[in-house]
Amino acid sequence: ACSSAMPSLVFHNGRAKISGGLRCSNIAPVSHQLLEHAVREGDLIVDLAGVGDSDSSAVAMLAACQALKLRQQDRLVLENVHGGLQSLIRIYGLDSMLPGKPEQVQGDGDLAKG
């Protein structure tokens, strides 16, 4: 049995703070809560400072939330993304979700030419 604590989600002033490990075995309740909340919010900040060990289900949850925000013409902003989760996000080609300088997010230059 997995000993990692169940993840939790707290909402306050347009900010979602997630704590605990985010794995396929325990992510469903938090994912459901986050998406339900995202539907009702405008721009949403997700603070991942308290997130521990994560697998690709965490990336799937964040990608679903980002897709929802894009459909609503709102923004999803991720804060405090730890190295392991950051790597997974990059592996899945979702770098645009990661915080960065505006010019990096907009992608001016490199690939746009041609």
C-alpha atoms as a PDB file:
ATOM      1  CA  ALA A   1       0.000   0.000   0.000  1.00  0.00           C
ATOM      2  CA  CYS A   2       1.130   3.530  -0.730  1.00  0.00           C
ATOM      3  CA  SER A   3       2.018   5.528   2.375  1.00  0.00           C
ATOM      4  CA  SER A   4       1.889   9.010   0.831  1.00  0.00           C
ATOM      5  CA  ALA A   5      -0.678  11.349   2.338  1.00  0.00           C
ATOM      6  CA  MET A   6      -3.823  12.092   0.386  1.00  0.00           C
ATOM      7  CA  PRO A   7      -3.518  15.352  -1.536  1.00  0.00           C
ATOM      8  CA  SER A   8      -5.594  18.316  -0.472  1.00  0.00           C
ATOM      9  CA  LEU A   9      -6.827  21.436  -2.204  1.00  0.00           C
ATOM     10  CA  VAL A  10      -7.610  24.818  -0.618  1.00  0.00           C
ATOM     11  CA  PHE A  11      -9.133  27.746  -2.531  1.00  0.00           C
ATOM     12  CA  HIS A  12      -8.645  31.354  -1.468  1.00  0.00           C
ATOM     13  CA  ASN A  13      -9.013  34.555  -3.517  1.00  0.00           C
ATOM     14  CA  GLY A  14      -8.689  33.007  -6.985  1.00  0.00           C
ATOM     15  CA  ARG A  15      -5.800  30.816  -5.866  1.00  0.00           C
ATOM     16  CA  ALA A  16      -5.773  27.029  -5.585  1.00  0.00           C
ATOM     17  CA  LYS A  17      -3.168  25.629  -3.202  1.00  0.00           C
ATOM     18  CA  ILE A  18      -2.469  21.918  -3.664  1.00  0.00           C
ATOM     19  CA  SER A  19      -0.584  19.845  -1.085  1.00  0.00           C
ATOM     20  CA  GLY A  20       0.511  16.211  -0.959  1.00  0.00           C
ATOM     21  CA  GLY A  21       1.575  13.703  -3.576  1.00  0.00           C
ATOM     22  CA  LEU A  22      -0.314  13.666  -6.879  1.00  0.00           C
ATOM     23  CA  ARG A  23      -0.434  10.114  -8.201  1.00  0.00           C
ATOM     24  CA  CYS A  24      -2.942   8.147 -10.271  1.00  0.00           C
ATOM     25  CA  SER A  25      -4.004   6.241  -7.137  1.00  0.00           C
ATOM     26  CA  ASN A  26      -5.121   9.355  -5.227  1.00  0.00           C
ATOM     27  CA  ILE A  27      -5.556  12.305  -7.599  1.00  0.00           C
ATOM     28  CA  ALA A  28      -9.226  11.865  -8.607  1.00  0.00           C
ATOM     29  CA  PRO A  29     -10.846  13.878  -5.753  1.00  0.00           C
ATOM     30  CA  VAL A  30      -8.410  16.800  -6.090  1.00  0.00           C
ATOM     31  CA  SER A  31      -8.679  16.782  -9.880  1.00  0.00           C
ATOM     32  CA  HIS A  32     -12.483  16.868  -9.680  1.00  0.00           C
ATOM     33  CA  GLN A  33     -12.414  19.734  -7.142  1.00  0.00           C
ATOM     34  CA  LEU A  34      -9.905  21.747  -9.181  1.00  0.00           C
ATOM     35  CA  LEU A  35     -11.859  21.441 -12.432  1.00  0.00           C
ATOM     36  CA  GLU A  36     -15.178  22.236 -10.715  1.00  0.00           C
ATOM     37  CA  HIS A  37     -13.628  25.350  -9.202  1.00  0.00           C
ATOM     38  CA  ALA A  38     -11.895  26.352 -12.448  1.00  0.00           C
ATOM     39  CA  VAL A  39     -15.256  26.424 -14.254  1.00  0.00           C
ATOM     40  CA  ARG A  40     -16.506  29.098 -11.844  1.00  0.00           C
ATOM     41  CA  GLU A  41     -13.318  31.208 -11.713  1.00  0.00           C
ATOM     42  CA  GLY A  42     -11.747  33.649 -14.120  1.00  0.00           C
ATOM     43  CA  ASP A  43      -7.961  33.544 -14.190  1.00  0.00           C
ATOM     44  CA  LEU A  44      -6.749  30.863 -11.813  1.00  0.00           C
ATOM     45  CA  ILE A  45      -3.450  30.595  -9.951  1.00  0.00           C
ATOM     46  CA  VAL A  46      -2.441  27.077  -8.896  1.00  0.00           C
ATOM     47  CA  ASP A  47       0.206  27.029  -6.170  1.00  0.00           C
ATOM     48  CA  LEU A  48       2.088  23.727  -6.227  1.00  0.00           C
ATOM     49  CA  ALA A  49       4.588  24.507  -3.427  1.00  0.00           C
ATOM     50  CA  GLY A  50       3.136  21.792  -1.177  1.00  0.00           C
ATOM     51  CA  VAL A  51       3.057  19.102  -3.859  1.00  0.00           C
ATOM     52  CA  GLY A  52       5.292  16.103  -3.258  1.00  0.00           C
ATOM     53  CA  ASP A  53       5.877  13.063  -5.422  1.00  0.00           C
ATOM     54  CA  SER A  54       3.870  13.255  -8.652  1.00  0.00           C
ATOM     55  CA  ASP A  55       3.292  11.160 -11.741  1.00  0.00           C
ATOM     56  CA  SER A  56       1.834  11.876 -15.176  1.00  0.00           C
ATOM     57  CA  SER A  57      -1.688  12.070 -13.742  1.00  0.00           C
ATOM     58  CA  ALA A  58      -0.692  15.436 -12.224  1.00  0.00           C
ATOM     59  CA  VAL A  59       0.265  16.672 -15.695  1.00  0.00           C
ATOM     60  CA  ALA A  60      -3.046  15.380 -17.085  1.00  0.00           C
ATOM     61  CA  MET A  61      -4.976  17.247 -14.370  1.00  0.00           C
ATOM     62  CA  LEU A  62      -3.128  20.503 -15.058  1.00  0.00           C
ATOM     63  CA  ALA A  63      -3.504  20.091 -18.836  1.00  0.00           C
ATOM     64  CA  ALA A  64      -7.270  19.563 -18.447  1.00  0.00           C
ATOM     65  CA  CYS A  65      -7.466  22.656 -16.275  1.00  0.00           C
ATOM     66  CA  GLN A  66      -5.467  24.672 -18.811  1.00  0.00           C
ATOM     67  CA  ALA A  67      -7.734  23.511 -21.654  1.00  0.00           C
ATOM     68  CA  LEU A  68     -10.781  24.578 -19.660  1.00  0.00           C
ATOM     69  CA  LYS A  69      -9.279  28.009 -18.950  1.00  0.00           C
ATOM     70  CA  LEU A  70      -8.398  28.484 -22.629  1.00  0.00           C
ATOM     71  CA  ARG A  71     -11.989  27.667 -23.649  1.00  0.00           C
ATOM     72  CA  GLN A  72     -13.156  30.281 -21.159  1.00  0.00           C
ATOM     73  CA  GLN A  73     -10.543  32.739 -22.502  1.00  0.00           C
ATOM     74  CA  ASP A  74      -8.973  32.874 -19.041  1.00  0.00           C
ATOM     75  CA  ARG A  75      -5.468  32.067 -17.864  1.00  0.00           C
ATOM     76  CA  LEU A  76      -4.057  29.265 -15.745  1.00  0.00           C
ATOM     77  CA  VAL A  77      -0.945  30.336 -13.846  1.00  0.00           C
ATOM     78  CA  LEU A  78       1.205  27.714 -12.144  1.00  0.00           C
ATOM     79  CA  GLU A  79       3.401  28.734  -9.233  1.00  0.00           C
ATOM     80  CA  ASN A  80       6.131  26.863  -7.349  1.00  0.00           C
ATOM     81  CA  VAL A  81       6.376  23.936  -9.768  1.00  0.00           C
ATOM     82  CA  HIS A  82       8.987  21.533  -8.378  1.00  0.00           C
ATOM     83  CA  GLY A  83      11.678  19.979 -10.570  1.00  0.00           C
ATOM     84  CA  GLY A  84      10.131  16.533 -11.028  1.00  0.00           C
ATOM     85  CA  LEU A  85       6.748  17.883 -12.063  1.00  0.00           C
ATOM     86  CA  GLN A  86       8.423  20.508 -14.250  1.00  0.00           C
ATOM     87  CA  SER A  87      10.309  17.736 -16.064  1.00  0.00           C
ATOM     88  CA  LEU A  88       7.108  15.753 -16.648  1.00  0.00           C
ATOM     89  CA  ILE A  89       5.368  18.854 -18.016  1.00  0.00           C
ATOM     90  CA  ARG A  90       8.266  19.399 -20.441  1.00  0.00           C
ATOM     91  CA  ILE A  91       8.330  15.727 -21.503  1.00  0.00           C
ATOM     92  CA  TYR A  92       4.652  16.004 -22.475  1.00  0.00           C
ATOM     93  CA  GLY A  93       5.396  19.180 -24.471  1.00  0.00           C
ATOM     94  CA  LEU A  94       3.304  21.451 -22.252  1.00  0.00           C
ATOM     95  CA  ASP A  95       6.036  23.989 -21.468  1.00  0.00           C
ATOM     96  CA  SER A  96       3.581  26.835 -22.085  1.00  0.00           C
ATOM     97  CA  MET A  97       1.971  25.963 -18.735  1.00  0.00           C
ATOM     98  CA  LEU A  98       5.211  26.695 -16.884  1.00  0.00           C
ATOM     99  CA  PRO A  99       5.886  30.131 -15.492  1.00  0.00           C
ATOM    100  CA  GLY A 100       8.436  32.060 -17.515  1.00  0.00           C
ATOM    101  CA  LYS A 101       9.288  35.377 -19.018  1.00  0.00           C
ATOM    102  CA  PRO A 102       6.545  36.697 -21.339  1.00  0.00           C
ATOM    103  CA  GLU A 103       8.816  36.452 -24.379  1.00  0.00           C
ATOM    104  CA  GLN A 104       9.393  32.751 -23.649  1.00  0.00           C
ATOM    105  CA  VAL A 105       5.693  32.051 -23.254  1.00  0.00           C
ATOM    106  CA  GLN A 106       4.767  33.938 -26.436  1.00  0.00           C
ATOM    107  CA  GLY A 107       7.507  32.179 -28.367  1.00  0.00           C
ATOM    108  CA  ASP A 108       8.619  35.200 -30.391  1.00  0.00           C
ATOM    109  CA  GLY A 109      11.225  34.360 -32.972  1.00  0.00           C
ATOM    110  CA  ASP A 110      12.783  30.916 -33.208  1.00  0.00           C
ATOM    111  CA  LEU A 111      10.014  28.628 -34.486  1.00  0.00           C
ATOM    112  CA  ALA A 112       7.731  31.387 -35.810  1.00  0.00           C
ATOM    113  CA  LYS A 113      10.133  32.314 -38.608  1.00  0.00           C
ATOM    114  CA  GLY A 114       9.695  30.665 -41.955  1.00  0.00           C
END
